């Protein structure tokens, strides 16, 4: 025959539990099962304080680490943007210098052609200059 029941005690010294329990009704304990252990309210409060402090400290450290990582990422992004702006300005400067060189070369070529034209006109005789002037004058009237 199996009998089952439950007895609730507040146990201060578990080692002396069996010595203190009176089993005079002829039953012998076969096993002991403890369903729950709970500390007293004073012990519970004493244990919660340091545990809560450690958890709060870990949460603060994690938040600080996340913020530091975000700041580091923002700094890296800002540095990258600045490097891109510097590179773009350098490229624009190079492009402007190249354009200035091309313009100077074109203007030098035009000046050289005009100089050669003037030298050729200086070597030409009066009849050739009169003929060129007539052609130039005729071309202007035809265009106008």
Protein backbone atom coordinates (compact mmCIF):
# COMPACT_ATOMS: atom_id res chain seq x y z
CA UNK A 1 0.00 0.00 0.00
CA UNK A 2 1.23 3.44 -0.90
CA UNK A 3 0.22 6.54 0.98
CA UNK A 4 1.05 9.95 -0.21
CA UNK A 5 0.75 13.29 1.52
CA UNK A 6 2.52 16.48 2.12
CA UNK A 7 3.80 18.17 5.22
CA UNK A 8 4.98 21.78 5.14
CA UNK A 9 7.64 22.91 7.59
CA UNK A 10 9.98 25.82 7.75
CA UNK A 11 13.33 24.08 7.94
CA UNK A 12 16.22 25.95 9.50
CA UNK A 13 18.57 22.95 9.89
CA UNK A 14 17.91 20.25 7.23
CA UNK A 15 20.38 17.81 8.82
CA UNK A 16 18.32 17.53 11.98
CA UNK A 17 14.95 17.25 10.16
CA UNK A 18 14.61 13.49 10.52
CA UNK A 19 15.59 13.61 14.19
CA UNK A 20 12.97 16.22 14.94
CA UNK A 21 10.02 14.70 13.07
CA UNK A 22 7.92 12.39 15.19
CA UNK A 23 6.85 9.28 13.27
CA UNK A 24 5.08 7.53 16.16
CA UNK A 25 2.13 6.42 14.05
CA UNK A 26 4.17 3.52 12.76
CA UNK A 27 5.25 4.96 9.48
CA UNK A 28 8.86 5.31 8.42
CA UNK A 29 9.92 7.93 5.87
CA UNK A 30 11.07 6.33 2.64
CA UNK A 31 11.97 9.48 0.75
CA UNK A 32 11.84 13.18 1.21
CA UNK A 33 10.90 15.53 -1.60
CA UNK A 34 11.30 19.27 -1.26
CA UNK A 35 9.01 21.11 -3.66
CA UNK A 36 10.29 24.64 -3.10
CA UNK A 37 12.90 26.50 -1.13
CA UNK A 38 12.40 30.19 -0.57
CA UNK A 39 14.56 32.59 1.41
CA UNK A 40 13.06 34.84 4.02
CA UNK A 41 12.15 38.37 2.85
CA UNK A 42 15.22 39.83 4.58
CA UNK A 43 17.57 37.34 2.89
CA UNK A 44 15.80 37.86 -0.42
CA UNK A 45 16.29 41.64 -0.25
CA UNK A 46 19.92 41.17 0.80
CA UNK A 47 20.54 38.91 -2.21
CA UNK A 48 18.70 41.14 -4.70
CA UNK A 49 20.80 44.24 -4.02
CA UNK A 50 24.18 43.05 -5.29
CA UNK A 51 22.61 41.01 -8.08
CA UNK A 52 20.63 44.00 -9.32
CA UNK A 53 23.76 46.16 -9.08
CA UNK A 54 25.79 43.71 -11.18
CA UNK A 55 23.02 43.44 -13.78
CA UNK A 56 22.69 47.22 -13.93
CA UNK A 57 26.46 47.58 -14.31
CA UNK A 58 26.52 45.04 -17.15
CA UNK A 59 23.63 46.85 -18.86
CA UNK A 60 25.45 50.18 -18.50
CA UNK A 61 28.66 48.70 -19.90
CA UNK A 62 26.79 47.21 -22.86
CA UNK A 63 25.07 50.54 -23.58
CA UNK A 64 28.41 52.37 -23.32
CA UNK A 65 30.00 49.86 -25.71
CA UNK A 66 27.15 50.32 -28.22
CA UNK A 67 27.46 54.10 -28.01
CA UNK A 68 31.24 53.94 -28.40
CA UNK A 69 30.84 51.72 -31.45
CA UNK A 70 28.28 54.12 -32.94
CA UNK A 71 30.62 57.07 -32.35
CA UNK A 72 33.51 55.16 -33.92
CA UNK A 73 31.38 54.30 -36.98
CA UNK A 74 30.26 57.93 -37.31
CA UNK A 75 33.90 59.07 -37.11
CA UNK A 76 34.93 56.57 -39.77
CA UNK A 77 32.09 57.72 -42.04
CA UNK A 78 33.07 61.38 -41.54
CA UNK A 79 36.72 60.58 -42.30
CA UNK A 80 35.70 58.69 -45.44
CA UNK A 81 33.51 61.58 -46.61
CA UNK A 82 36.34 64.05 -45.99
CA UNK A 83 38.78 61.85 -47.92
CA UNK A 84 36.28 61.66 -50.79
CA UNK A 85 35.88 65.45 -50.81
CA UNK A 86 39.65 65.94 -50.81
CA UNK A 87 40.05 63.46 -53.68
CA UNK A 88 37.22 65.14 -55.62
CA UNK A 89 38.79 68.57 -55.11
CA UNK A 90 42.14 67.21 -56.28
CA UNK A 91 40.53 65.71 -59.38
CA UNK A 92 38.69 68.94 -60.10
CA UNK A 93 41.96 70.83 -59.69
CA UNK A 94 43.68 68.44 -62.10
CA UNK A 95 40.81 68.82 -64.57
CA UNK A 96 40.96 72.62 -64.30
CA UNK A 97 44.73 72.59 -64.87
CA UNK A 98 44.34 70.27 -67.86
CA UNK A 99 41.63 72.54 -69.32
CA UNK A 100 43.86 75.61 -68.77
CA UNK A 101 46.71 73.81 -70.58
CA UNK A 102 44.43 72.98 -73.52
CA UNK A 103 43.20 76.56 -73.74
CA UNK A 104 46.76 77.90 -73.56
CA UNK A 105 47.87 75.48 -76.31
CA UNK A 106 44.97 76.54 -78.56
CA UNK A 107 45.65 80.22 -77.95
CA UNK A 108 49.38 79.72 -78.58
CA UNK A 109 48.59 77.89 -81.83
CA UNK A 110 46.23 80.71 -82.88
CA UNK A 111 48.86 83.33 -82.04
CA UNK A 112 51.49 81.37 -83.98
CA UNK A 113 49.20 81.15 -87.00
CA UNK A 114 48.47 84.89 -86.81
CA UNK A 115 52.21 85.65 -86.49
CA UNK A 116 52.99 83.44 -89.52
CA UNK A 117 50.16 85.12 -91.46
CA UNK A 118 51.53 88.58 -90.61
CA UNK A 119 55.07 87.50 -91.58
CA UNK A 120 53.74 86.18 -94.89
CA UNK A 121 51.85 89.41 -95.51
CA UNK A 122 54.99 91.38 -94.63
CA UNK A 123 56.95 89.51 -97.32
CA UNK A 124 54.21 89.91 -99.94
CA UNK A 125 54.43 92.73 -102.42
CA UNK A 126 52.00 95.59 -102.95
CA UNK A 127 50.04 93.92 -105.80
CA UNK A 128 49.41 90.80 -103.62
CA UNK A 129 48.27 92.92 -100.66
CA UNK A 130 45.89 94.90 -102.90
CA UNK A 131 44.44 91.65 -104.27
CA UNK A 132 43.99 90.23 -100.76
CA UNK A 133 42.33 93.46 -99.61
CA UNK A 134 39.94 93.30 -102.57
CA UNK A 135 39.11 89.68 -101.80
CA UNK A 136 38.58 90.50 -98.15
CA UNK A 137 36.38 93.46 -99.02
CA UNK A 138 34.41 91.40 -101.55
CA UNK A 139 33.88 88.61 -99.04
CA UNK A 140 32.56 91.07 -96.47
CA UNK A 141 30.02 92.54 -98.90
CA UNK A 142 28.90 89.09 -100.02
CA UNK A 143 28.35 88.02 -96.41
CA UNK A 144 26.53 91.24 -95.38
